[in-house]
N, C-alpha and C. Protein backbone atom coordinates (compact mmCIF):
# COMPACT_ATOMS: atom_id res chain seq x y z
N GLU A 1 -6.96 21.40 21.45
CA GLU A 1 -6.77 21.65 19.45
C GLU A 1 -5.41 21.64 18.96
N GLY A 2 -4.60 22.66 19.67
CA GLY A 2 -3.70 23.65 19.43
C GLY A 2 -3.53 24.76 18.45
N SER A 3 -2.71 24.65 17.78
CA SER A 3 -2.70 24.86 16.10
C SER A 3 -2.62 24.51 15.61
N GLN A 4 -3.09 24.44 13.55
CA GLN A 4 -3.08 24.05 12.79
C GLN A 4 -1.60 23.80 12.34
N PHE A 5 -1.33 22.97 11.60
CA PHE A 5 0.20 23.30 11.20
C PHE A 5 0.36 22.88 9.71
N VAL A 6 0.73 23.88 8.67
CA VAL A 6 0.70 23.45 7.68
C VAL A 6 2.54 22.36 6.86
N VAL A 7 2.20 21.92 5.95
CA VAL A 7 3.16 21.11 5.32
C VAL A 7 4.18 22.18 4.30
N SER A 8 5.43 22.08 5.24
CA SER A 8 6.26 23.36 4.64
C SER A 8 6.92 22.58 3.55
N SER A 9 7.53 20.99 3.62
CA SER A 9 8.09 20.37 2.03
C SER A 9 8.04 18.77 2.84
N VAL A 10 8.11 17.90 1.49
CA VAL A 10 7.93 16.16 1.73
C VAL A 10 9.09 16.04 1.69
N GLU A 11 10.12 14.70 2.00
CA GLU A 11 11.72 14.42 1.96
C GLU A 11 11.80 12.54 2.34
N LEU A 12 12.65 12.59 0.88
CA LEU A 12 12.55 10.65 0.73
C LEU A 12 13.46 10.32 2.07
N ASP A 13 13.75 9.75 2.63
CA ASP A 13 15.52 9.21 3.54
C ASP A 13 15.11 7.80 3.67
N GLY A 14 16.12 7.05 3.25
CA GLY A 14 16.49 5.68 3.13
C GLY A 14 16.75 4.78 1.85
N TYR A 15 15.79 3.68 1.62
CA TYR A 15 16.30 3.50 0.07
C TYR A 15 15.10 3.04 -0.72
N TYR A 16 15.25 3.65 -1.92
CA TYR A 16 14.13 3.87 -3.09
C TYR A 16 14.50 2.88 -3.80
N LEU A 17 15.33 1.49 -4.24
CA LEU A 17 15.90 0.90 -5.02
C LEU A 17 16.25 2.04 -6.76
N GLY A 18 16.63 2.93 -6.01
CA GLY A 18 16.98 3.88 -7.15
C GLY A 18 15.63 4.51 -8.01
N ARG A 19 14.48 4.82 -7.22
CA ARG A 19 13.05 4.98 -7.80
C ARG A 19 12.73 5.89 -7.71
N ASP A 20 13.41 6.76 -7.27
CA ASP A 20 12.83 8.02 -6.26
C ASP A 20 12.11 9.02 -6.78
N ASN A 21 12.43 9.20 -8.18
CA ASN A 21 11.55 9.91 -8.94
C ASN A 21 9.96 9.04 -9.04
N GLU A 22 9.56 7.79 -9.21
CA GLU A 22 8.55 7.27 -9.39
C GLU A 22 7.86 7.10 -7.91
N PHE A 23 8.41 6.88 -6.87
CA PHE A 23 8.04 7.08 -5.38
C PHE A 23 7.77 7.90 -5.33
N LYS A 24 7.88 9.57 -5.81
CA LYS A 24 7.04 11.05 -5.36
C LYS A 24 6.07 11.16 -6.49
N SER A 25 5.45 10.85 -7.11
CA SER A 25 5.11 11.06 -8.10
C SER A 25 3.27 10.32 -7.74
N LEU A 26 3.80 8.87 -6.35
CA LEU A 26 3.23 8.48 -5.53
C LEU A 26 2.68 9.50 -4.01
N ILE A 27 2.70 10.46 -3.55
CA ILE A 27 2.96 11.12 -2.59
C ILE A 27 1.89 12.12 -2.39
N THR A 28 0.64 11.81 -2.06
CA THR A 28 -0.37 12.98 -1.98
C THR A 28 0.06 13.61 -0.45
N VAL A 29 0.98 13.88 -0.10
CA VAL A 29 0.95 14.71 1.10
C VAL A 29 1.80 16.35 -0.31
N LYS A 30 0.70 16.85 -0.10
CA LYS A 30 1.72 18.42 -0.68
C LYS A 30 2.06 19.49 0.01
N PRO A 31 3.15 20.54 0.05
CA PRO A 31 3.58 21.10 0.95
C PRO A 31 2.53 22.57 0.61
N GLY A 32 2.23 23.59 1.53
CA GLY A 32 1.65 24.42 1.54
C GLY A 32 -0.65 24.10 1.91
N ARG A 33 -0.28 23.28 2.18
CA ARG A 33 -1.32 22.44 2.44
C ARG A 33 -1.46 22.83 3.92
N THR A 34 -2.81 22.19 3.89
CA THR A 34 -2.73 22.40 6.28
C THR A 34 -2.36 20.52 6.47
N TYR A 35 -1.70 20.30 7.13
CA TYR A 35 -1.45 18.97 7.49
C TYR A 35 -2.42 18.27 7.72
N ASN A 36 -2.44 17.30 6.95
CA ASN A 36 -3.28 15.80 7.75
C ASN A 36 -2.89 14.26 7.69
N ILE A 37 -3.32 13.90 8.30
CA ILE A 37 -2.49 12.09 8.69
C ILE A 37 -3.16 11.19 7.94
N THR A 38 -4.49 11.19 7.60
CA THR A 38 -5.20 10.75 6.03
C THR A 38 -4.01 10.55 5.32
N ASP A 39 -3.65 11.77 4.37
CA ASP A 39 -2.74 11.93 3.31
C ASP A 39 -1.61 11.08 3.43
N ILE A 40 -0.94 10.89 4.65
CA ILE A 40 0.43 10.62 5.10
C ILE A 40 0.47 8.85 5.03
N VAL A 41 -0.87 8.82 5.74
CA VAL A 41 -1.39 7.03 5.61
C VAL A 41 -1.48 6.52 4.32
N GLU A 42 -2.58 7.14 3.10
CA GLU A 42 -2.10 7.28 2.24
C GLU A 42 -1.49 7.04 0.91
N THR A 43 -0.02 8.04 1.17
CA THR A 43 1.18 7.97 0.91
C THR A 43 2.28 6.48 1.36
N THR A 44 2.01 6.29 2.28
CA THR A 44 2.55 5.09 3.19
C THR A 44 1.42 3.90 2.66
N LYS A 45 0.48 3.48 2.20
CA LYS A 45 0.49 2.16 2.18
C LYS A 45 0.56 2.30 0.52
N ALA A 46 0.37 3.52 -0.67
CA ALA A 46 0.98 3.66 -1.57
C ALA A 46 2.36 3.13 -1.98
N PHE A 47 3.19 3.99 -1.04
CA PHE A 47 4.40 3.09 -0.70
C PHE A 47 5.11 1.38 -0.50
N SER A 48 4.61 0.96 0.20
CA SER A 48 4.01 -0.53 0.66
C SER A 48 3.78 -1.31 -1.10
N GLU A 49 2.52 -0.44 -1.30
CA GLU A 49 2.24 -1.59 -2.50
C GLU A 49 2.85 -1.64 -3.81
N TYR A 50 3.58 -0.62 -4.23
CA TYR A 50 4.88 -0.16 -5.12
C TYR A 50 5.99 -0.97 -4.80
N PHE A 51 6.71 -1.22 -3.65
CA PHE A 51 7.58 -1.73 -3.34
C PHE A 51 6.95 -3.14 -3.54
N GLY A 52 5.75 -3.84 -3.29
CA GLY A 52 5.40 -5.47 -3.32
C GLY A 52 5.94 -5.60 -5.28
N ASN A 53 5.36 -4.77 -6.11
CA ASN A 53 6.06 -4.46 -6.91
C ASN A 53 7.05 -5.12 -8.28
N PHE A 54 7.73 -5.33 -7.03
CA PHE A 54 9.19 -5.11 -7.13
C PHE A 54 9.57 -6.94 -6.55
N GLY A 55 8.63 -7.26 -5.63
CA GLY A 55 8.77 -8.46 -4.85
C GLY A 55 9.12 -8.14 -3.45
N PHE A 56 9.11 -6.91 -3.06
CA PHE A 56 8.75 -6.65 -1.54
C PHE A 56 7.96 -6.31 -0.49
N ALA A 57 7.06 -7.46 -0.18
CA ALA A 57 7.04 -7.54 0.43
C ALA A 57 6.57 -7.30 1.83
N PHE A 58 8.40 -7.26 1.99
CA PHE A 58 8.16 -6.72 3.69
C PHE A 58 8.52 -5.27 3.59
N ALA A 59 8.16 -4.81 2.84
CA ALA A 59 8.96 -3.16 3.02
C ALA A 59 7.91 -1.99 4.21
N ARG A 60 9.34 -1.57 4.92
CA ARG A 60 8.91 -0.88 6.06
C ARG A 60 8.53 0.57 5.20
N ILE A 61 7.77 1.35 5.44
CA ILE A 61 8.04 2.49 5.40
C ILE A 61 7.01 3.68 6.74
N GLU A 62 8.31 4.65 7.10
CA GLU A 62 8.09 5.07 8.73
C GLU A 62 7.50 6.84 8.21
N PRO A 63 6.95 7.14 8.24
CA PRO A 63 6.41 8.90 8.88
C PRO A 63 6.94 9.31 9.78
N ARG A 64 8.35 10.51 9.73
CA ARG A 64 8.83 11.18 10.65
C ARG A 64 7.83 12.97 10.10
N SER A 65 8.01 13.13 11.30
CA SER A 65 7.59 14.88 11.79
C SER A 65 9.00 15.81 12.82
N GLU A 66 9.19 17.06 11.54
CA GLU A 66 10.02 17.85 12.36
C GLU A 66 9.02 19.32 12.00
N ILE A 67 8.81 19.17 13.19
CA ILE A 67 8.05 20.03 13.60
C ILE A 67 8.15 22.14 13.65
N ASP A 68 8.20 22.95 13.26
CA ASP A 68 8.48 24.55 13.93
C ASP A 68 7.05 24.51 13.78
N ARG A 69 7.01 25.20 16.04
CA ARG A 69 6.59 25.99 16.57
C ARG A 69 6.20 27.06 16.20
N GLN A 70 7.28 28.10 16.08
CA GLN A 70 7.41 29.22 15.65
C GLN A 70 6.50 29.74 14.62
N THR A 71 6.82 29.16 13.68
CA THR A 71 5.69 29.18 12.60
C THR A 71 5.48 28.59 12.03
N ASN A 72 4.72 27.17 12.62
CA ASN A 72 3.58 26.09 12.79
C ASN A 72 3.66 25.29 11.19
N GLN A 73 5.01 24.99 10.59
CA GLN A 73 5.01 24.49 10.19
C GLN A 73 5.45 23.01 10.27
N VAL A 74 5.65 22.21 9.70
CA VAL A 74 5.97 21.28 10.04
C VAL A 74 6.89 19.52 8.48
N LYS A 75 7.71 20.01 8.35
CA LYS A 75 8.01 18.93 7.16
C LYS A 75 7.90 17.28 8.32
N ILE A 76 7.79 16.30 6.74
CA ILE A 76 7.65 14.61 6.86
C ILE A 76 8.62 14.66 6.13
N ILE A 77 9.71 13.55 6.64
CA ILE A 77 10.62 13.17 6.33
C ILE A 77 9.49 11.31 6.04
N LEU A 78 9.77 10.56 5.38
CA LEU A 78 9.41 9.54 4.99
C LEU A 78 10.52 8.42 4.63
N GLN A 79 11.04 7.52 5.46
CA GLN A 79 11.38 7.11 5.92
C GLN A 79 11.22 5.13 5.31
N ALA A 80 12.37 4.98 4.12
CA ALA A 80 12.25 3.61 3.80
C ALA A 80 13.19 2.36 3.59
N ASP A 81 12.57 1.40 3.76
CA ASP A 81 13.30 0.30 4.48
C ASP A 81 12.72 -0.95 3.64
N PRO A 82 13.80 -1.41 2.12
CA PRO A 82 12.39 -1.62 1.93
C PRO A 82 12.70 -3.77 2.23
N SER A 83 13.66 -3.84 3.16
CA SER A 83 13.80 -5.10 4.10
C SER A 83 14.39 -6.57 2.60
N ARG A 84 13.68 -7.17 2.23
CA ARG A 84 14.64 -8.52 1.75
C ARG A 84 13.63 -8.25 0.45
N ARG A 85 13.72 -9.18 -0.73
CA ARG A 85 12.69 -9.54 -1.31
C ARG A 85 12.24 -11.39 -1.53
N ALA A 86 11.34 -11.62 -1.19
CA ALA A 86 9.99 -11.99 -1.06
C ALA A 86 9.87 -13.28 -2.39
N TYR A 87 9.80 -14.70 -2.60
CA TYR A 87 8.98 -14.84 -3.54
C TYR A 87 7.50 -16.14 -2.56
N VAL A 88 6.53 -16.35 -3.81
CA VAL A 88 5.52 -17.06 -3.22
C VAL A 88 5.70 -18.97 -3.13
N ARG A 89 5.10 -19.14 -1.63
CA ARG A 89 6.04 -20.41 -1.43
C ARG A 89 4.92 -20.81 -2.46
N ARG A 90 3.75 -20.78 -1.21
CA ARG A 90 2.21 -21.29 -2.29
C ARG A 90 1.22 -20.70 -2.12
N ILE A 91 -0.09 -21.12 -3.15
CA ILE A 91 -1.27 -20.10 -2.76
C ILE A 91 -1.99 -21.26 -2.28
N ASN A 92 -3.03 -20.53 -1.20
CA ASN A 92 -4.23 -21.56 -0.68
C ASN A 92 -5.47 -21.24 -0.85
N ILE A 93 -5.82 -21.68 -1.56
CA ILE A 93 -7.52 -21.38 -2.01
C ILE A 93 -8.84 -22.11 -0.79
N SER A 94 -9.40 -21.46 -0.92
CA SER A 94 -10.31 -22.14 0.22
C SER A 94 -11.61 -21.40 0.25
N GLY A 95 -12.68 -21.58 0.76
CA GLY A 95 -14.04 -22.01 0.75
C GLY A 95 -14.62 -21.85 -0.72
N ASN A 96 -14.20 -23.09 -1.49
CA ASN A 96 -15.00 -22.95 -3.02
C ASN A 96 -14.74 -24.19 -2.86
N ASP A 97 -16.46 -24.42 -1.62
CA ASP A 97 -17.17 -25.39 -2.08
C ASP A 97 -17.67 -26.56 -2.98
N ARG A 98 -17.67 -25.14 -4.28
CA ARG A 98 -18.93 -25.79 -5.60
C ARG A 98 -17.32 -26.24 -6.34
N THR A 99 -17.25 -25.29 -6.61
CA THR A 99 -15.63 -24.71 -7.74
C THR A 99 -14.77 -25.19 -7.65
N LYS A 100 -14.51 -25.83 -8.61
CA LYS A 100 -13.32 -26.14 -8.94
C LYS A 100 -11.31 -25.36 -8.65
N ASP A 101 -10.58 -26.12 -7.80
CA ASP A 101 -9.39 -25.55 -7.58
C ASP A 101 -9.32 -25.00 -8.96
N ASP A 102 -8.54 -25.76 -9.64
CA ASP A 102 -7.78 -25.74 -11.38
C ASP A 102 -9.41 -24.21 -11.40
N ILE A 103 -9.55 -24.00 -11.64
CA ILE A 103 -10.95 -22.83 -12.41
C ILE A 103 -10.62 -21.04 -11.80
N ILE A 104 -10.05 -21.86 -10.86
CA ILE A 104 -9.95 -20.08 -9.99
C ILE A 104 -8.47 -19.81 -10.23
N ARG A 105 -6.58 -21.43 -10.25
CA ARG A 105 -5.61 -21.20 -10.88
C ARG A 105 -5.37 -20.45 -11.30
N ARG A 106 -6.35 -20.69 -12.44
CA ARG A 106 -5.71 -20.85 -14.14
C ARG A 106 -5.76 -19.41 -14.42
N GLU A 107 -7.13 -17.87 -13.25
CA GLU A 107 -6.86 -16.85 -13.48
C GLU A 107 -6.15 -16.45 -12.53
N PHE A 108 -5.21 -17.07 -12.26
CA PHE A 108 -3.72 -16.28 -11.27
C PHE A 108 -3.25 -15.83 -11.93
N ARG A 109 -1.79 -15.09 -12.56
CA ARG A 109 -1.49 -14.50 -12.57
C ARG A 109 0.08 -14.05 -12.31
N GLN A 110 -0.32 -14.28 -10.48
CA GLN A 110 1.15 -14.69 -9.64
C GLN A 110 1.29 -16.46 -9.35
N MET A 111 2.25 -16.27 -10.12
CA MET A 111 2.62 -17.79 -10.59
C MET A 111 3.67 -18.44 -8.55
N GLU A 112 3.40 -19.73 -8.53
CA GLU A 112 3.79 -20.64 -7.31
C GLU A 112 5.93 -20.81 -7.67
N SER A 113 6.85 -19.87 -6.96
CA SER A 113 8.00 -20.32 -6.47
C SER A 113 8.27 -19.11 -7.27
N ALA A 114 7.61 -18.09 -8.18
CA ALA A 114 8.56 -16.75 -8.44
C ALA A 114 7.86 -15.25 -7.18
N TRP A 115 9.13 -14.78 -8.09
CA TRP A 115 8.92 -13.41 -6.98
C TRP A 115 7.32 -12.76 -7.01
N TYR A 116 8.01 -12.40 -5.51
CA TYR A 116 5.65 -11.50 -5.41
C TYR A 116 6.16 -10.79 -6.58
N ASP A 117 5.21 -10.66 -6.69
CA ASP A 117 4.48 -8.74 -7.78
C ASP A 117 2.79 -8.51 -7.31
N GLY A 118 3.35 -7.09 -6.65
CA GLY A 118 2.29 -7.21 -5.93
C GLY A 118 1.15 -6.53 -7.43
N ASP A 119 1.32 -6.38 -8.41
CA ASP A 119 0.67 -5.76 -9.86
C ASP A 119 -0.10 -7.18 -9.78
N LYS A 120 0.71 -9.01 -10.22
CA LYS A 120 -0.04 -9.61 -10.48
C LYS A 120 -1.15 -10.10 -9.47
N ILE A 121 -1.51 -10.16 -8.56
CA ILE A 121 -1.67 -10.40 -7.52
C ILE A 121 -2.78 -9.55 -7.31
N LYS A 122 -2.85 -8.51 -7.96
CA LYS A 122 -4.06 -7.67 -7.63
C LYS A 122 -4.53 -8.25 -9.45
N LEU A 123 -3.90 -7.85 -10.37
CA LEU A 123 -4.57 -8.35 -11.22
C LEU A 123 -4.90 -9.75 -11.39
N SER A 124 -4.81 -10.48 -10.76
CA SER A 124 -5.03 -12.10 -10.35
C SER A 124 -6.52 -12.23 -9.87
N LYS A 125 -6.62 -11.21 -8.42
CA LYS A 125 -7.27 -11.27 -8.18
C LYS A 125 -8.89 -10.76 -8.11
N ASP A 126 -9.20 -9.42 -9.51
CA ASP A 126 -9.48 -8.73 -10.48
C ASP A 126 -10.00 -10.12 -11.41
N ARG A 127 -9.33 -10.77 -12.19
CA ARG A 127 -10.05 -11.84 -12.82
C ARG A 127 -10.28 -12.83 -12.27
N VAL A 128 -10.22 -13.49 -10.72
CA VAL A 128 -11.26 -14.33 -10.04
C VAL A 128 -12.55 -13.04 -9.72
N ASN A 129 -12.52 -12.31 -9.54
CA ASN A 129 -13.94 -11.73 -9.33
C ASN A 129 -14.67 -11.82 -10.42
N ARG A 130 -14.11 -11.51 -11.84
CA ARG A 130 -14.89 -11.16 -12.99
C ARG A 130 -15.05 -12.44 -13.18
N LEU A 131 -14.95 -13.76 -12.95
CA LEU A 131 -15.69 -14.91 -12.94
C LEU A 131 -17.29 -15.02 -13.07
N GLY A 132 -17.38 -14.07 -12.24
CA GLY A 132 -19.10 -13.71 -11.59
C GLY A 132 -19.72 -15.07 -10.53
N PHE A 133 -18.86 -15.96 -10.17
CA PHE A 133 -19.04 -17.29 -9.04
C PHE A 133 -19.18 -16.96 -7.47
N PHE A 134 -18.55 -15.62 -7.37
CA PHE A 134 -17.93 -15.75 -6.05
C PHE A 134 -18.41 -14.00 -6.07
N LYS A 135 -19.59 -14.21 -4.14
CA LYS A 135 -19.91 -12.21 -3.64
C LYS A 135 -18.50 -11.90 -3.50
N GLU A 136 -17.52 -12.96 -2.72
CA GLU A 136 -16.00 -12.07 -2.67
C GLU A 136 -15.31 -12.70 -2.50
N VAL A 137 -13.58 -11.92 -3.06
CA VAL A 137 -12.84 -12.85 -3.39
C VAL A 137 -11.24 -11.94 -2.24
N ASP A 138 -11.27 -12.69 -1.38
CA ASP A 138 -10.12 -11.76 -0.27
C ASP A 138 -9.13 -12.85 -0.75
N ILE A 139 -7.47 -12.04 -0.98
CA ILE A 139 -6.51 -12.64 -0.90
C ILE A 139 -4.71 -12.59 -0.02
N ASP A 140 -4.83 -12.20 1.30
CA ASP A 140 -3.84 -11.96 2.36
C ASP A 140 -2.81 -13.23 2.11
N THR A 141 -1.68 -12.64 2.23
CA THR A 141 -0.16 -12.34 2.78
C THR A 141 0.17 -13.02 3.59
N GLN A 142 0.91 -14.09 4.18
CA GLN A 142 1.52 -14.47 5.01
C GLN A 142 3.12 -14.84 5.24
N GLU A 143 4.17 -13.95 6.28
CA GLU A 143 4.99 -14.54 6.03
C GLU A 143 5.43 -15.96 6.25
N VAL A 144 5.79 -16.96 6.03
CA VAL A 144 6.64 -18.46 5.63
C VAL A 144 7.30 -18.83 7.32
N PRO A 145 6.90 -19.67 8.88
CA PRO A 145 7.50 -18.96 9.09
C PRO A 145 9.13 -19.71 9.58
N SER A 146 10.07 -19.61 10.04
CA SER A 146 11.79 -20.32 9.69
C SER A 146 12.02 -19.51 8.38
N THR A 147 11.13 -18.59 8.30
CA THR A 147 12.39 -18.28 6.63
C THR A 147 12.26 -17.24 6.78
N MET A 148 13.08 -16.47 5.22
CA MET A 148 13.63 -15.16 5.49
C MET A 148 12.58 -14.06 4.44
N ASP A 149 11.99 -15.68 3.47
CA ASP A 149 12.39 -14.91 2.04
C ASP A 149 11.48 -15.36 1.24
N GLN A 150 10.08 -16.22 1.93
CA GLN A 150 8.83 -16.52 1.55
C GLN A 150 7.68 -15.87 1.65
N VAL A 151 6.03 -16.55 1.02
CA VAL A 151 5.39 -15.59 1.74
C VAL A 151 4.10 -17.19 0.97
N ASP A 152 3.09 -16.91 2.36
CA ASP A 152 2.09 -17.47 1.26
C ASP A 152 0.71 -17.28 0.68
N LEU A 153 0.14 -17.12 -0.26
CA LEU A 153 -1.26 -16.12 -0.42
C LEU A 153 -1.89 -17.09 -0.07
N ASN A 154 -2.98 -16.73 0.90
CA ASN A 154 -3.88 -17.49 1.26
C ASN A 154 -5.14 -16.91 0.29
N VAL A 155 -6.03 -17.52 -0.34
CA VAL A 155 -7.14 -16.63 -1.07
C VAL A 155 -8.40 -17.05 -0.67
N ASN A 156 -9.40 -16.62 0.06
CA ASN A 156 -10.66 -17.06 0.93
C ASN A 156 -11.67 -16.16 -0.54
N VAL A 157 -12.02 -17.22 -0.43
CA VAL A 157 -13.80 -16.99 -1.73
C VAL A 157 -15.08 -17.12 -0.93
N VAL A 158 -16.11 -16.19 -1.14
CA VAL A 158 -17.02 -17.09 -1.04
C VAL A 158 -18.31 -16.58 -2.12
N GLU A 159 -18.74 -18.25 -2.11
CA GLU A 159 -19.90 -18.24 -3.77
C GLU A 159 -21.04 -18.40 -3.36
N LYS A 160 -21.58 -17.59 -4.67
CA LYS A 160 -22.84 -17.34 -4.43
C LYS A 160 -23.63 -18.32 -5.46
N PRO A 161 -25.47 -17.99 -4.95
CA PRO A 161 -25.94 -18.95 -5.95
C PRO A 161 -25.98 -18.35 -7.38
N THR A 162 -25.35 -19.62 -8.34
CA THR A 162 -25.40 -19.17 -10.06
C THR A 162 -26.10 -19.69 -10.87
N GLY A 163 -27.29 -20.73 -10.39
CA GLY A 163 -28.52 -20.67 -10.98
C GLY A 163 -29.75 -20.48 -11.27
N MET A 164 -30.68 -19.97 -12.35
CA MET A 164 -31.54 -19.08 -12.47
C MET A 164 -33.20 -20.41 -13.35
N LEU A 165 -33.80 -20.14 -12.73
CA LEU A 165 -35.00 -20.63 -12.88
C LEU A 165 -36.02 -19.81 -13.34
N THR A 166 -36.51 -19.83 -14.95
CA THR A 166 -37.67 -19.28 -14.92
C THR A 166 -38.87 -19.89 -15.72
N LEU A 167 -39.99 -19.37 -15.26
CA LEU A 167 -41.56 -19.95 -16.04
C LEU A 167 -42.42 -18.90 -16.46
N GLY A 168 -42.64 -19.38 -17.90
CA GLY A 168 -43.49 -18.20 -18.05
C GLY A 168 -44.96 -19.11 -18.36
N LEU A 169 -46.22 -18.27 -18.50
CA LEU A 169 -47.69 -18.55 -19.17
C LEU A 169 -48.34 -17.68 -19.35
N GLY A 170 -48.82 -18.07 -21.47
CA GLY A 170 -49.43 -17.62 -22.19
C GLY A 170 -50.84 -18.09 -22.67
N PHE A 171 -51.08 -16.33 -22.84
CA PHE A 171 -53.24 -17.55 -23.79
C PHE A 171 -53.07 -16.34 -25.08
N SER A 172 -53.16 -16.47 -26.18
CA SER A 172 -53.84 -16.28 -27.12
C SER A 172 -54.54 -16.72 -27.75
N ASN A 173 -56.00 -16.61 -29.14
CA ASN A 173 -57.24 -16.75 -28.95
C ASN A 173 -56.14 -17.64 -30.45
N VAL A 174 -55.07 -17.54 -31.27
CA VAL A 174 -54.58 -18.58 -31.65
C VAL A 174 -53.91 -19.82 -31.74
N GLU A 175 -52.67 -19.09 -30.19
CA GLU A 175 -52.02 -20.93 -29.75
C GLU A 175 -52.19 -21.29 -28.32
N LYS A 176 -53.75 -20.33 -27.87
CA LYS A 176 -54.60 -21.09 -26.32
C LYS A 176 -53.35 -20.98 -25.31
N ALA A 177 -53.58 -21.88 -24.72
CA ALA A 177 -52.69 -21.26 -23.15
C ALA A 177 -50.74 -21.87 -24.38
N THR A 178 -50.07 -21.04 -23.42
CA THR A 178 -48.45 -21.46 -23.83
C THR A 178 -47.55 -21.70 -22.30
N LEU A 179 -46.57 -22.50 -22.42
CA LEU A 179 -46.12 -22.50 -21.83
C LEU A 179 -44.50 -22.83 -21.70
N SER A 180 -43.86 -22.15 -20.44
CA SER A 180 -42.44 -22.09 -20.92
C SER A 180 -41.87 -22.13 -19.68
N ILE A 181 -40.47 -23.03 -20.23
CA ILE A 181 -39.68 -23.42 -19.12
C ILE A 181 -38.41 -23.23 -19.29
N GLY A 182 -37.62 -22.58 -17.92
CA GLY A 182 -36.01 -22.01 -18.35
C GLY A 182 -35.19 -22.77 -17.37
N ILE A 183 -34.23 -23.11 -17.65
CA ILE A 183 -32.96 -23.82 -16.60
C ILE A 183 -31.73 -23.25 -17.12
N GLN A 184 -30.94 -22.51 -16.30
CA GLN A 184 -29.49 -22.15 -16.62
C GLN A 184 -28.95 -21.89 -15.37
N GLN A 185 -27.84 -22.63 -15.65
CA GLN A 185 -26.88 -22.90 -14.29
C GLN A 185 -25.15 -22.41 -14.48
N ASP A 186 -24.64 -21.36 -14.48
CA ASP A 186 -23.53 -20.66 -14.65
C ASP A 186 -21.90 -22.37 -13.44
N ASN A 187 -21.70 -22.41 -14.40
CA ASN A 187 -20.36 -23.33 -13.58
C ASN A 187 -21.12 -23.95 -12.70
N ILE A 188 -21.88 -25.17 -13.96
CA ILE A 188 -22.20 -26.64 -13.66
C ILE A 188 -21.48 -27.31 -12.99
N PHE A 189 -20.87 -27.54 -12.19
CA PHE A 189 -20.37 -28.69 -11.42
C PHE A 189 -18.96 -28.33 -10.91
N GLY A 190 -18.88 -27.30 -11.15
CA GLY A 190 -17.92 -26.60 -10.27
C GLY A 190 -16.73 -26.65 -11.37
N SER A 191 -17.36 -26.67 -12.53
CA SER A 191 -16.58 -26.39 -13.99
C SER A 191 -16.20 -25.39 -14.96
N GLY A 192 -16.69 -24.70 -14.26
CA GLY A 192 -16.69 -23.02 -15.00
C GLY A 192 -17.76 -23.17 -15.49
N GLN A 193 -18.42 -24.08 -16.90
CA GLN A 193 -18.76 -24.21 -17.78
C GLN A 193 -20.11 -23.98 -17.46
N ASN A 194 -21.05 -22.82 -18.52
CA ASN A 194 -22.58 -22.83 -17.93
C ASN A 194 -23.11 -24.06 -19.39
N LEU A 195 -24.88 -23.82 -19.19
CA LEU A 195 -25.51 -24.64 -19.02
C LEU A 195 -26.93 -24.37 -19.21
N GLY A 196 -27.81 -24.25 -20.43
CA GLY A 196 -29.27 -23.82 -20.57
C GLY A 196 -30.25 -24.67 -21.30
N LEU A 197 -31.73 -25.05 -20.39
CA LEU A 197 -32.21 -25.89 -21.60
C LEU A 197 -33.31 -24.79 -21.05
N GLN A 198 -34.45 -24.49 -22.71
CA GLN A 198 -35.41 -24.19 -22.62
C GLN A 198 -36.57 -24.82 -22.66
N ILE A 199 -37.31 -25.00 -22.32
CA ILE A 199 -38.85 -25.71 -23.29
C ILE A 199 -39.82 -25.18 -23.06
N SER A 200 -40.27 -24.58 -24.44
CA SER A 200 -41.81 -24.60 -24.73
C SER A 200 -42.66 -25.33 -25.15
N THR A 201 -44.48 -25.05 -24.78
CA THR A 201 -44.99 -25.86 -25.23
C THR A 201 -46.46 -25.28 -25.45
């Protein structure tokens, strides 16, 4: 296992869009703490997502370590290359066997032919989830072959049952037997509308 190492400092290197202080606030690696690779992975992931908010879908963050074996300390250097800015060519939707495409698309805040925006993509995913029609919503970003600055967003959904049937039977001295039947269907015919019917006798 060897000796434990302590983080002596964390430095930024490369181009951070002139927003160094904003990126520094995302760092979870703290000087004085024991070196932990999980903190570094979380930080590089947060950096990548933050670059995505400004259209840089291909940003690369490479962590480097400078080790001092005499003091058991390690300096972390986060090298950033935002690469090129990208825009979304197409949004492709699959898995919606019942729900119409436009019901999903109207919840999207990331538009086609607009700059890639990580925040808008996350918001779009949350809005589609809140419809309540799907068990899973996944969005995958794919580079467009033979282009330098385009991506496609592949949206895959897994639909869940949205219908409900209720039956009720009762008895009283006044009304004798009572029967009730209820049918509730959310997302009727994939339109995003709800329809309910209740019958009592």
